[in-house]
Amino acid sequence: MATEAAIEAAATEAATGTDKEKQPHKLERKWAFWFDNQSKPKQGAAWGTSLRQIYTFDTVEDFWCLYDQIFKPSKLPGNGDFHLFKTGIEPKWEDPECANGGKWTVTSNRKANLDTMWLETLMALIGEQFNEADDICGVVASVRQRGDKLALWTKTATNEALQMSIGRKWKEIIDVTDKMTYNFHDDSRRERNVKSRYTV
């Protein structure tokens, strides 16, 4: 099972092992990988206390080193999460960039399928494939016994046209035929069984 320290060490080793001779290909933005293992929460610990930022990157080369060696959902322990968010945004509802947002969610029953959808989403994000890229905060891959999930977090939940455009584009990118739903973070904070606001 992966631990935060092991993942962090592997990420640093992977990214620094790149060939220094070649000029790296800079990305439009800087991104951060995060890891969260909720399998053994401490008694009474607040949500997010096990969340750790593991590595930031802003080149294509660093991304591929990190992804190939570490950041695949199929390598996660049960109840583990990988996050890729824009640098400066924490993958928490409380972060000012996320506070008025929500998330599109898709489920997967096969690890290989989850890995593929995760990779396609990461490439779309760092490759700026969304017209509405400024409204996207990041993506979360969650491994759970009852079904793995991917969630694409956005900033402006109440802008239905914007969210529908993002949802349709993401559905096309990850090649999903099942329905995808969008929930407001505000709703999730208040109640357990949240009704989805938008569907594509």
N, C-alpha and C. Protein backbone atom coordinates (compact mmCIF):
# COMPACT_ATOMS: atom_id res chain seq x y z
N MET A 1 0.83 -1.19 0.00
CA MET A 1 0.00 0.00 0.00
C MET A 1 0.87 1.25 0.00
N ALA A 2 0.45 2.22 -0.79
CA ALA A 2 1.23 3.43 -0.91
C ALA A 2 1.00 4.35 0.29
N THR A 3 2.07 4.97 0.77
CA THR A 3 1.93 5.97 1.83
C THR A 3 2.27 7.32 1.23
N GLU A 4 1.86 8.39 1.94
CA GLU A 4 2.16 9.74 1.44
C GLU A 4 3.66 9.93 1.23
N ALA A 5 4.47 9.50 2.20
CA ALA A 5 5.91 9.69 2.12
C ALA A 5 6.50 8.95 0.93
N ALA A 6 6.04 7.71 0.72
CA ALA A 6 6.55 6.91 -0.40
C ALA A 6 6.16 7.54 -1.73
N ILE A 7 4.92 8.01 -1.83
CA ILE A 7 4.45 8.63 -3.07
C ILE A 7 5.23 9.91 -3.33
N GLU A 8 5.42 10.72 -2.28
CA GLU A 8 6.15 11.98 -2.44
C GLU A 8 7.59 11.73 -2.88
N ALA A 9 8.24 10.76 -2.27
CA ALA A 9 9.62 10.44 -2.63
C ALA A 9 9.71 9.95 -4.07
N ALA A 10 8.78 9.09 -4.46
CA ALA A 10 8.77 8.56 -5.84
C ALA A 10 8.50 9.67 -6.84
N ALA A 11 7.61 10.59 -6.50
CA ALA A 11 7.28 11.70 -7.40
C ALA A 11 8.50 12.59 -7.63
N THR A 12 9.22 12.91 -6.56
CA THR A 12 10.41 13.75 -6.67
C THR A 12 11.47 13.07 -7.51
N GLU A 13 11.67 11.78 -7.25
CA GLU A 13 12.66 11.00 -8.01
C GLU A 13 12.28 10.93 -9.49
N ALA A 14 11.00 10.71 -9.76
CA ALA A 14 10.53 10.60 -11.15
C ALA A 14 10.74 11.91 -11.90
N ALA A 15 10.38 13.01 -11.27
CA ALA A 15 10.45 14.30 -11.96
C ALA A 15 11.88 14.79 -12.12
N THR A 16 12.76 14.50 -11.18
CA THR A 16 14.14 14.98 -11.28
C THR A 16 15.00 14.05 -12.14
N GLY A 17 14.47 12.91 -12.50
CA GLY A 17 15.22 11.97 -13.33
C GLY A 17 15.10 12.25 -14.81
N THR A 18 14.52 13.40 -15.20
CA THR A 18 14.34 13.72 -16.61
C THR A 18 15.68 14.13 -17.24
N ASP A 19 15.74 14.04 -18.53
CA ASP A 19 16.95 14.39 -19.27
C ASP A 19 17.10 15.91 -19.29
N LYS A 20 18.14 16.41 -18.64
CA LYS A 20 18.35 17.87 -18.52
C LYS A 20 18.86 18.49 -19.83
N GLU A 21 19.34 17.67 -20.74
CA GLU A 21 19.91 18.18 -21.98
C GLU A 21 18.84 18.84 -22.86
N LYS A 22 17.64 18.28 -22.87
CA LYS A 22 16.59 18.77 -23.76
C LYS A 22 15.82 19.91 -23.11
N GLN A 23 15.36 20.83 -23.95
CA GLN A 23 14.55 21.95 -23.47
C GLN A 23 13.15 21.44 -23.15
N PRO A 24 12.67 21.63 -21.91
CA PRO A 24 11.33 21.12 -21.56
C PRO A 24 10.22 21.90 -22.26
N HIS A 25 9.10 21.24 -22.47
CA HIS A 25 7.93 21.86 -23.11
C HIS A 25 7.02 22.42 -22.02
N LYS A 26 7.02 23.74 -21.91
CA LYS A 26 6.24 24.42 -20.87
C LYS A 26 4.75 24.31 -21.13
N LEU A 27 4.00 24.12 -20.04
CA LEU A 27 2.54 24.10 -20.11
C LEU A 27 2.01 25.52 -19.91
N GLU A 28 0.77 25.72 -20.28
CA GLU A 28 0.11 27.02 -20.13
C GLU A 28 0.01 27.42 -18.65
N ARG A 29 -0.22 26.42 -17.77
CA ARG A 29 -0.39 26.67 -16.34
C ARG A 29 0.47 25.69 -15.54
N LYS A 30 0.59 25.99 -14.26
CA LYS A 30 1.28 25.08 -13.33
C LYS A 30 0.19 24.25 -12.64
N TRP A 31 0.47 22.97 -12.45
CA TRP A 31 -0.49 22.03 -11.86
C TRP A 31 0.12 21.34 -10.65
N ALA A 32 -0.74 20.81 -9.80
CA ALA A 32 -0.27 20.11 -8.60
C ALA A 32 -1.00 18.78 -8.45
N PHE A 33 -0.23 17.73 -8.16
CA PHE A 33 -0.81 16.43 -7.80
C PHE A 33 -0.97 16.38 -6.28
N TRP A 34 -2.08 15.86 -5.84
CA TRP A 34 -2.38 15.68 -4.41
C TRP A 34 -2.74 14.23 -4.17
N PHE A 35 -2.54 13.78 -2.93
CA PHE A 35 -2.90 12.42 -2.54
C PHE A 35 -3.64 12.48 -1.22
N ASP A 36 -4.66 11.64 -1.10
CA ASP A 36 -5.43 11.56 0.14
C ASP A 36 -5.77 10.10 0.38
N ASN A 37 -5.44 9.59 1.57
CA ASN A 37 -5.81 8.22 1.92
C ASN A 37 -6.76 8.26 3.11
N GLN A 38 -8.04 8.01 2.82
CA GLN A 38 -9.08 8.10 3.85
C GLN A 38 -9.37 6.75 4.50
N SER A 39 -8.51 5.75 4.26
CA SER A 39 -8.80 4.41 4.78
C SER A 39 -8.61 4.31 6.29
N LYS A 40 -7.73 5.15 6.84
CA LYS A 40 -7.50 5.09 8.30
C LYS A 40 -7.57 6.47 8.91
N PRO A 41 -8.76 7.09 8.92
CA PRO A 41 -8.84 8.43 9.52
C PRO A 41 -8.65 8.35 11.03
N LYS A 42 -7.96 9.35 11.57
CA LYS A 42 -7.78 9.41 13.02
C LYS A 42 -9.11 9.78 13.67
N GLN A 43 -9.34 9.24 14.84
CA GLN A 43 -10.58 9.49 15.57
C GLN A 43 -10.80 11.00 15.73
N GLY A 44 -11.93 11.48 15.23
CA GLY A 44 -12.29 12.89 15.39
C GLY A 44 -11.54 13.85 14.47
N ALA A 45 -10.72 13.31 13.55
CA ALA A 45 -9.95 14.19 12.66
C ALA A 45 -10.88 14.83 11.63
N ALA A 46 -10.64 16.08 11.34
CA ALA A 46 -11.45 16.80 10.36
C ALA A 46 -11.13 16.28 8.97
N TRP A 47 -12.16 16.37 8.07
CA TRP A 47 -11.92 15.94 6.70
C TRP A 47 -10.80 16.78 6.10
N GLY A 48 -9.96 16.14 5.32
CA GLY A 48 -8.90 16.85 4.63
C GLY A 48 -7.58 16.86 5.38
N THR A 49 -7.54 16.33 6.60
CA THR A 49 -6.29 16.34 7.37
C THR A 49 -5.26 15.38 6.78
N SER A 50 -5.72 14.39 6.01
CA SER A 50 -4.76 13.45 5.39
C SER A 50 -4.41 13.86 3.95
N LEU A 51 -4.96 14.98 3.48
CA LEU A 51 -4.71 15.47 2.13
C LEU A 51 -3.32 16.08 2.04
N ARG A 52 -2.53 15.64 1.06
CA ARG A 52 -1.16 16.13 0.90
C ARG A 52 -0.88 16.53 -0.54
N GLN A 53 -0.27 17.71 -0.71
CA GLN A 53 0.21 18.08 -2.03
C GLN A 53 1.54 17.36 -2.23
N ILE A 54 1.63 16.59 -3.31
CA ILE A 54 2.81 15.75 -3.53
C ILE A 54 3.82 16.39 -4.46
N TYR A 55 3.34 16.95 -5.58
CA TYR A 55 4.30 17.49 -6.54
C TYR A 55 3.62 18.50 -7.44
N THR A 56 4.34 19.58 -7.78
CA THR A 56 3.84 20.53 -8.77
C THR A 56 4.69 20.41 -10.03
N PHE A 57 4.09 20.71 -11.16
CA PHE A 57 4.84 20.63 -12.43
C PHE A 57 4.28 21.63 -13.42
N ASP A 58 5.11 22.00 -14.40
CA ASP A 58 4.64 22.91 -15.44
C ASP A 58 5.25 22.58 -16.80
N THR A 59 5.74 21.32 -16.94
CA THR A 59 6.25 20.88 -18.24
C THR A 59 5.62 19.54 -18.62
N VAL A 60 5.59 19.29 -19.90
CA VAL A 60 5.07 18.02 -20.43
C VAL A 60 5.92 16.86 -19.91
N GLU A 61 7.22 17.06 -19.90
CA GLU A 61 8.13 15.99 -19.48
C GLU A 61 7.90 15.57 -18.03
N ASP A 62 7.77 16.55 -17.14
CA ASP A 62 7.51 16.23 -15.73
C ASP A 62 6.19 15.49 -15.58
N PHE A 63 5.19 15.94 -16.32
CA PHE A 63 3.89 15.27 -16.24
C PHE A 63 4.03 13.79 -16.57
N TRP A 64 4.68 13.47 -17.69
CA TRP A 64 4.76 12.06 -18.11
C TRP A 64 5.58 11.22 -17.14
N CYS A 65 6.67 11.78 -16.61
CA CYS A 65 7.46 11.04 -15.61
C CYS A 65 6.60 10.71 -14.40
N LEU A 66 5.89 11.71 -13.91
CA LEU A 66 5.06 11.52 -12.72
C LEU A 66 3.93 10.55 -12.99
N TYR A 67 3.25 10.74 -14.11
CA TYR A 67 2.10 9.88 -14.41
C TYR A 67 2.54 8.42 -14.58
N ASP A 68 3.57 8.21 -15.41
CA ASP A 68 3.99 6.84 -15.72
C ASP A 68 4.41 6.07 -14.48
N GLN A 69 5.08 6.74 -13.56
CA GLN A 69 5.62 6.02 -12.41
C GLN A 69 4.71 5.98 -11.19
N ILE A 70 3.81 6.94 -11.07
CA ILE A 70 3.06 7.02 -9.81
C ILE A 70 1.56 7.20 -9.96
N PHE A 71 1.16 8.25 -10.66
CA PHE A 71 -0.21 8.75 -10.51
C PHE A 71 -1.25 8.05 -11.38
N LYS A 72 -1.38 6.75 -11.22
CA LYS A 72 -2.45 5.99 -11.88
C LYS A 72 -3.41 5.51 -10.80
N PRO A 73 -4.71 5.74 -10.97
CA PRO A 73 -5.68 5.33 -9.94
C PRO A 73 -5.63 3.85 -9.60
N SER A 74 -5.28 3.01 -10.57
CA SER A 74 -5.24 1.56 -10.29
C SER A 74 -4.16 1.21 -9.27
N LYS A 75 -3.22 2.13 -9.02
CA LYS A 75 -2.17 1.89 -8.03
C LYS A 75 -2.58 2.37 -6.63
N LEU A 76 -3.73 3.00 -6.53
CA LEU A 76 -4.17 3.55 -5.25
C LEU A 76 -4.64 2.48 -4.28
N PRO A 77 -4.42 2.68 -2.98
CA PRO A 77 -5.02 1.79 -1.99
C PRO A 77 -6.52 2.06 -1.91
N GLY A 78 -7.28 1.14 -1.33
CA GLY A 78 -8.71 1.37 -1.16
C GLY A 78 -8.96 2.64 -0.38
N ASN A 79 -9.99 3.38 -0.76
CA ASN A 79 -10.33 4.67 -0.15
C ASN A 79 -9.27 5.75 -0.38
N GLY A 80 -8.46 5.56 -1.42
CA GLY A 80 -7.46 6.57 -1.76
C GLY A 80 -7.95 7.48 -2.86
N ASP A 81 -7.42 8.70 -2.89
CA ASP A 81 -7.76 9.68 -3.92
C ASP A 81 -6.49 10.29 -4.50
N PHE A 82 -6.47 10.46 -5.83
CA PHE A 82 -5.48 11.30 -6.49
C PHE A 82 -6.22 12.53 -6.97
N HIS A 83 -5.56 13.68 -6.89
CA HIS A 83 -6.14 14.94 -7.36
C HIS A 83 -5.12 15.59 -8.28
N LEU A 84 -5.61 16.21 -9.35
CA LEU A 84 -4.79 17.12 -10.14
C LEU A 84 -5.55 18.44 -10.17
N PHE A 85 -4.97 19.46 -9.53
CA PHE A 85 -5.61 20.78 -9.47
C PHE A 85 -4.62 21.84 -9.91
N LYS A 86 -5.17 22.96 -10.38
CA LYS A 86 -4.31 24.09 -10.71
C LYS A 86 -3.56 24.50 -9.45
N THR A 87 -2.29 24.84 -9.60
CA THR A 87 -1.50 25.27 -8.45
C THR A 87 -2.16 26.49 -7.83
N GLY A 88 -2.23 26.47 -6.50
CA GLY A 88 -2.87 27.58 -5.79
C GLY A 88 -4.30 27.28 -5.38
N ILE A 89 -4.86 26.17 -5.89
CA ILE A 89 -6.21 25.76 -5.51
C ILE A 89 -6.11 24.44 -4.74
N GLU A 90 -6.62 24.43 -3.52
CA GLU A 90 -6.65 23.19 -2.74
C GLU A 90 -7.91 22.42 -3.10
N PRO A 91 -7.82 21.08 -3.22
CA PRO A 91 -9.01 20.29 -3.55
C PRO A 91 -9.95 20.15 -2.35
N LYS A 92 -10.49 21.27 -1.90
CA LYS A 92 -11.42 21.30 -0.78
C LYS A 92 -12.56 22.26 -1.11
N TRP A 93 -13.75 21.94 -0.63
CA TRP A 93 -14.90 22.83 -0.81
C TRP A 93 -14.61 24.22 -0.27
N GLU A 94 -13.82 24.29 0.81
CA GLU A 94 -13.58 25.56 1.49
C GLU A 94 -12.64 26.49 0.73
N ASP A 95 -11.89 25.96 -0.23
CA ASP A 95 -10.98 26.82 -0.98
C ASP A 95 -11.82 27.89 -1.70
N PRO A 96 -11.39 29.16 -1.65
CA PRO A 96 -12.17 30.24 -2.27
C PRO A 96 -12.49 30.00 -3.74
N GLU A 97 -11.60 29.33 -4.46
CA GLU A 97 -11.84 29.05 -5.89
C GLU A 97 -12.92 27.98 -6.09
N CYS A 98 -13.11 27.13 -5.09
CA CYS A 98 -14.07 26.02 -5.19
C CYS A 98 -15.39 26.31 -4.47
N ALA A 99 -15.39 27.29 -3.59
CA ALA A 99 -16.50 27.51 -2.66
C ALA A 99 -17.87 27.65 -3.34
N ASN A 100 -17.93 28.30 -4.49
CA ASN A 100 -19.21 28.49 -5.20
C ASN A 100 -19.34 27.54 -6.38
N GLY A 101 -18.57 26.47 -6.35
CA GLY A 101 -18.55 25.55 -7.48
C GLY A 101 -19.28 24.25 -7.23
N GLY A 102 -18.92 23.28 -8.04
CA GLY A 102 -19.51 21.95 -7.95
C GLY A 102 -18.66 20.98 -8.74
N LYS A 103 -19.26 19.81 -9.04
CA LYS A 103 -18.46 18.81 -9.74
C LYS A 103 -19.33 17.93 -10.64
N TRP A 104 -18.76 17.60 -11.79
CA TRP A 104 -19.30 16.57 -12.66
C TRP A 104 -18.72 15.24 -12.18
N THR A 105 -19.54 14.19 -12.14
CA THR A 105 -19.06 12.91 -11.65
C THR A 105 -19.40 11.78 -12.62
N VAL A 106 -18.43 10.86 -12.78
CA VAL A 106 -18.65 9.66 -13.56
C VAL A 106 -18.09 8.48 -12.77
N THR A 107 -18.77 7.33 -12.81
CA THR A 107 -18.33 6.15 -12.07
C THR A 107 -17.74 5.11 -13.02
N SER A 108 -16.92 4.24 -12.45
CA SER A 108 -16.30 3.17 -13.24
C SER A 108 -16.19 1.92 -12.38
N ASN A 109 -16.51 0.77 -12.96
CA ASN A 109 -16.39 -0.49 -12.24
C ASN A 109 -15.13 -1.26 -12.60
N ARG A 110 -14.34 -0.70 -13.52
CA ARG A 110 -13.11 -1.39 -13.94
C ARG A 110 -11.91 -0.46 -13.80
N LYS A 111 -10.86 -0.96 -13.14
CA LYS A 111 -9.67 -0.15 -12.90
C LYS A 111 -9.02 0.34 -14.21
N ALA A 112 -8.96 -0.53 -15.21
CA ALA A 112 -8.33 -0.14 -16.47
C ALA A 112 -9.10 1.01 -17.11
N ASN A 113 -10.42 0.96 -17.01
CA ASN A 113 -11.26 2.01 -17.56
C ASN A 113 -11.06 3.32 -16.80
N LEU A 114 -10.94 3.22 -15.48
CA LEU A 114 -10.71 4.41 -14.65
C LEU A 114 -9.36 5.04 -15.03
N ASP A 115 -8.34 4.23 -15.20
CA ASP A 115 -7.02 4.74 -15.59
C ASP A 115 -7.09 5.49 -16.93
N THR A 116 -7.82 4.91 -17.88
CA THR A 116 -7.94 5.53 -19.21
C THR A 116 -8.67 6.87 -19.12
N MET A 117 -9.80 6.90 -18.41
CA MET A 117 -10.57 8.15 -18.28
C MET A 117 -9.76 9.21 -17.54
N TRP A 118 -9.03 8.80 -16.52
CA TRP A 118 -8.17 9.70 -15.74
C TRP A 118 -7.11 10.32 -16.64
N LEU A 119 -6.40 9.47 -17.41
CA LEU A 119 -5.35 9.97 -18.29
C LEU A 119 -5.90 10.92 -19.35
N GLU A 120 -7.02 10.54 -19.97
CA GLU A 120 -7.64 11.41 -20.98
C GLU A 120 -8.01 12.77 -20.38
N THR A 121 -8.51 12.75 -19.15
CA THR A 121 -8.89 14.00 -18.48
C THR A 121 -7.66 14.84 -18.16
N LEU A 122 -6.61 14.20 -17.63
CA LEU A 122 -5.38 14.94 -17.32
C LEU A 122 -4.81 15.60 -18.57
N MET A 123 -4.76 14.85 -19.67
CA MET A 123 -4.21 15.41 -20.90
C MET A 123 -5.07 16.57 -21.42
N ALA A 124 -6.39 16.44 -21.28
CA ALA A 124 -7.29 17.52 -21.71
C ALA A 124 -7.08 18.77 -20.87
N LEU A 125 -6.85 18.58 -19.56
CA LEU A 125 -6.65 19.73 -18.67
C LEU A 125 -5.32 20.43 -18.94
N ILE A 126 -4.23 19.67 -18.91
CA ILE A 126 -2.93 20.32 -19.09
C ILE A 126 -2.73 20.77 -20.53
N GLY A 127 -3.47 20.16 -21.47
CA GLY A 127 -3.39 20.54 -22.87
C GLY A 127 -4.39 21.62 -23.26
N GLU A 128 -5.11 22.16 -22.26
CA GLU A 128 -6.04 23.27 -22.46
C GLU A 128 -7.09 22.97 -23.54
N GLN A 129 -7.70 21.77 -23.47
CA GLN A 129 -8.70 21.38 -24.47
C GLN A 129 -10.10 21.92 -24.18
N PHE A 130 -10.32 22.43 -22.98
CA PHE A 130 -11.63 22.99 -22.65
C PHE A 130 -11.67 24.47 -22.98
N ASN A 131 -12.72 24.91 -23.69
CA ASN A 131 -12.88 26.34 -23.95
C ASN A 131 -13.09 27.10 -22.64
N GLU A 132 -13.66 26.41 -21.66
CA GLU A 132 -13.99 27.02 -20.37
C GLU A 132 -12.92 26.69 -19.32
N ALA A 133 -11.66 26.56 -19.74
CA ALA A 133 -10.58 26.11 -18.85
C ALA A 133 -10.47 26.96 -17.59
N ASP A 134 -10.78 28.25 -17.68
CA ASP A 134 -10.65 29.13 -16.51
C ASP A 134 -11.62 28.75 -15.39
N ASP A 135 -12.72 28.09 -15.74
CA ASP A 135 -13.72 27.72 -14.73
C ASP A 135 -13.41 26.36 -14.08
N ILE A 136 -12.47 25.62 -14.62
CA ILE A 136 -12.15 24.30 -14.09
C ILE A 136 -11.06 24.41 -13.03
N CYS A 137 -11.32 23.78 -11.87
CA CYS A 137 -10.35 23.78 -10.76
C CYS A 137 -9.40 22.59 -10.86
N GLY A 138 -9.98 21.41 -11.16
CA GLY A 138 -9.16 20.20 -11.21
C GLY A 138 -10.03 18.96 -11.28
N VAL A 139 -9.39 17.81 -11.11
CA VAL A 139 -10.09 16.52 -11.21
C VAL A 139 -9.63 15.61 -10.07
N VAL A 140 -10.54 14.75 -9.61
CA VAL A 140 -10.26 13.82 -8.52
C VAL A 140 -10.58 12.40 -8.97
N ALA A 141 -9.65 11.47 -8.75
CA ALA A 141 -9.91 10.04 -8.96
C ALA A 141 -10.03 9.39 -7.59
N SER A 142 -11.14 8.70 -7.35
CA SER A 142 -11.40 8.08 -6.05
C SER A 142 -11.61 6.59 -6.21
N VAL A 143 -10.85 5.80 -5.46
CA VAL A 143 -11.00 4.35 -5.48
C VAL A 143 -11.84 3.94 -4.27
N ARG A 144 -12.99 3.32 -4.55
CA ARG A 144 -13.91 2.93 -3.50
C ARG A 144 -14.43 1.51 -3.75
N GLN A 145 -14.77 0.81 -2.68
CA GLN A 145 -15.26 -0.56 -2.81
C GLN A 145 -16.57 -0.62 -3.61
N ARG A 146 -17.44 0.37 -3.41
CA ARG A 146 -18.74 0.35 -4.09
C ARG A 146 -18.69 0.94 -5.51
N GLY A 147 -17.51 1.29 -5.99
CA GLY A 147 -17.37 1.82 -7.34
C GLY A 147 -16.44 3.02 -7.37
N ASP A 148 -15.49 2.99 -8.30
CA ASP A 148 -14.53 4.08 -8.43
C ASP A 148 -15.18 5.27 -9.13
N LYS A 149 -14.65 6.47 -8.87
CA LYS A 149 -15.25 7.67 -9.43
C LYS A 149 -14.19 8.64 -9.92
N LEU A 150 -14.59 9.42 -10.92
CA LEU A 150 -13.83 10.59 -11.33
C LEU A 150 -14.75 11.79 -11.15
N ALA A 151 -14.21 12.89 -10.64
CA ALA A 151 -15.00 14.10 -10.45
C ALA A 151 -14.23 15.29 -10.98
N LEU A 152 -14.86 16.04 -11.88
CA LEU A 152 -14.26 17.24 -12.46
C LEU A 152 -14.84 18.45 -11.72
N TRP A 153 -13.99 19.16 -10.98
CA TRP A 153 -14.43 20.29 -10.14
C TRP A 153 -14.39 21.59 -10.94
N THR A 154 -15.45 22.39 -10.78
CA THR A 154 -15.53 23.68 -11.46
C THR A 154 -15.85 24.78 -10.45
N LYS A 155 -15.72 26.05 -10.89
CA LYS A 155 -15.85 27.19 -9.98
C LYS A 155 -17.25 27.77 -9.86
N THR A 156 -17.99 27.82 -10.98
CA THR A 156 -19.22 28.61 -11.02
C THR A 156 -20.43 27.71 -11.20
N ALA A 157 -20.89 27.10 -10.12
CA ALA A 157 -21.95 26.10 -10.19
C ALA A 157 -23.26 26.65 -10.77
N THR A 158 -23.59 27.90 -10.47
CA THR A 158 -24.90 28.44 -10.87
C THR A 158 -24.98 28.80 -12.35
N ASN A 159 -23.87 28.82 -13.06
CA ASN A 159 -23.89 29.14 -14.49
C ASN A 159 -24.16 27.84 -15.26
N GLU A 160 -25.45 27.56 -15.47
CA GLU A 160 -25.85 26.29 -16.07
C GLU A 160 -25.29 26.10 -17.47
N ALA A 161 -25.36 27.13 -18.30
CA ALA A 161 -24.87 27.01 -19.68
C ALA A 161 -23.38 26.66 -19.70
N LEU A 162 -22.63 27.31 -18.84
CA LEU A 162 -21.19 27.05 -18.74
C LEU A 162 -20.94 25.61 -18.30
N GLN A 163 -21.63 25.18 -17.25
CA GLN A 163 -21.43 23.83 -16.72
C GLN A 163 -21.85 22.75 -17.73
N MET A 164 -22.96 22.99 -18.43
CA MET A 164 -23.41 22.02 -19.44
C MET A 164 -22.37 21.89 -20.56
N SER A 165 -21.78 23.01 -20.94
CA SER A 165 -20.75 22.99 -21.98
C SER A 165 -19.53 22.18 -21.52
N ILE A 166 -19.12 22.41 -20.27
CA ILE A 166 -17.98 21.65 -19.71
C ILE A 166 -18.33 20.17 -19.63
N GLY A 167 -19.53 19.86 -19.13
CA GLY A 167 -19.95 18.46 -18.99
C GLY A 167 -19.99 17.72 -20.31
N ARG A 168 -20.55 18.37 -21.34
CA ARG A 168 -20.62 17.74 -22.67
C ARG A 168 -19.23 17.49 -23.24
N LYS A 169 -18.34 18.48 -23.07
CA LYS A 169 -16.97 18.34 -23.59
C LYS A 169 -16.24 17.21 -22.86
N TRP A 170 -16.40 17.16 -21.52
CA TRP A 170 -15.71 16.11 -20.75
C TRP A 170 -16.22 14.73 -21.14
N LYS A 171 -17.53 14.62 -21.33
CA LYS A 171 -18.13 13.34 -21.72
C LYS A 171 -17.55 12.86 -23.05
N GLU A 172 -17.35 13.80 -23.95
CA GLU A 172 -16.77 13.48 -25.26
C GLU A 172 -15.30 13.06 -25.11
N ILE A 173 -14.56 13.77 -24.27
CA ILE A 173 -13.14 13.49 -24.07
C ILE A 173 -12.93 12.09 -23.50
N ILE A 174 -13.73 11.72 -22.49
CA ILE A 174 -13.52 10.41 -21.85
C ILE A 174 -14.37 9.31 -22.49
N ASP A 175 -15.14 9.68 -23.53
CA ASP A 175 -15.89 8.70 -24.33
C ASP A 175 -16.84 7.86 -23.47
N VAL A 176 -17.70 8.56 -22.74
CA VAL A 176 -18.67 7.91 -21.86
C VAL A 176 -20.07 8.01 -22.47
N THR A 177 -20.83 6.91 -22.41
CA THR A 177 -22.21 6.94 -22.91
C THR A 177 -23.23 7.05 -21.77
N ASP A 178 -22.83 6.63 -20.57
CA ASP A 178 -23.73 6.74 -19.41
C ASP A 178 -23.95 8.20 -19.05
N LYS A 179 -25.03 8.43 -18.28
CA LYS A 179 -25.31 9.78 -17.82
C LYS A 179 -24.25 10.24 -16.82
N MET A 180 -23.90 11.51 -16.93
CA MET A 180 -23.02 12.14 -15.96
C MET A 180 -23.82 13.21 -15.24
N THR A 181 -23.58 13.36 -13.94
CA THR A 181 -24.36 14.32 -13.15
C THR A 181 -23.46 15.40 -12.56
N TYR A 182 -24.08 16.55 -12.28
CA TYR A 182 -23.38 17.68 -11.68
C TYR A 182 -24.04 18.04 -10.36
N ASN A 183 -23.23 18.13 -9.30
CA ASN A 183 -23.72 18.53 -7.98
C ASN A 183 -23.04 19.80 -7.52
N PHE A 184 -23.80 20.65 -6.81
CA PHE A 184 -23.24 21.85 -6.21
C PHE A 184 -22.53 21.45 -4.91
N HIS A 185 -21.36 22.03 -4.64
CA HIS A 185 -20.68 21.77 -3.36
C HIS A 185 -21.56 22.21 -2.19
N ASP A 186 -22.28 23.31 -2.36
CA ASP A 186 -23.18 23.81 -1.30
C ASP A 186 -24.21 22.76 -0.89
N ASP A 187 -24.79 22.09 -1.88
CA ASP A 187 -25.78 21.04 -1.60
C ASP A 187 -25.13 19.89 -0.84
N SER A 188 -23.94 19.49 -1.28
CA SER A 188 -23.23 18.38 -0.65
C SER A 188 -22.86 18.68 0.79
N ARG A 189 -22.57 19.95 1.07
CA ARG A 189 -22.26 20.36 2.44
C ARG A 189 -23.46 20.20 3.37
N ARG A 190 -24.64 20.49 2.82
CA ARG A 190 -25.85 20.53 3.65
C ARG A 190 -26.53 19.19 3.84
N GLU A 191 -26.51 18.36 2.83
CA GLU A 191 -27.26 17.10 2.92
C GLU A 191 -26.48 15.92 2.36
N ARG A 192 -26.82 14.74 2.85
CA ARG A 192 -26.11 13.53 2.47
C ARG A 192 -26.53 13.03 1.07
N ASN A 193 -27.82 12.87 0.87
CA ASN A 193 -28.32 12.39 -0.44
C ASN A 193 -28.68 13.57 -1.32
N VAL A 194 -27.70 14.02 -2.06
CA VAL A 194 -27.86 15.24 -2.87
C VAL A 194 -28.47 14.90 -4.22
N LYS A 195 -29.44 15.71 -4.62
CA LYS A 195 -29.99 15.59 -5.98
C LYS A 195 -29.08 16.32 -6.94
N SER A 196 -28.83 15.70 -8.08
CA SER A 196 -27.96 16.36 -9.06
C SER A 196 -28.72 17.54 -9.69
N ARG A 197 -27.98 18.59 -10.02
CA ARG A 197 -28.57 19.79 -10.60
C ARG A 197 -28.63 19.72 -12.12
N TYR A 198 -27.56 19.19 -12.73
CA TYR A 198 -27.48 19.11 -14.21
C TYR A 198 -27.12 17.67 -14.58
N THR A 199 -27.50 17.30 -15.81
CA THR A 199 -27.19 15.98 -16.33
C THR A 199 -26.82 16.07 -17.81
N VAL A 200 -25.82 15.32 -18.22
CA VAL A 200 -25.50 15.22 -19.66
C VAL A 200 -25.40 13.75 -20.04
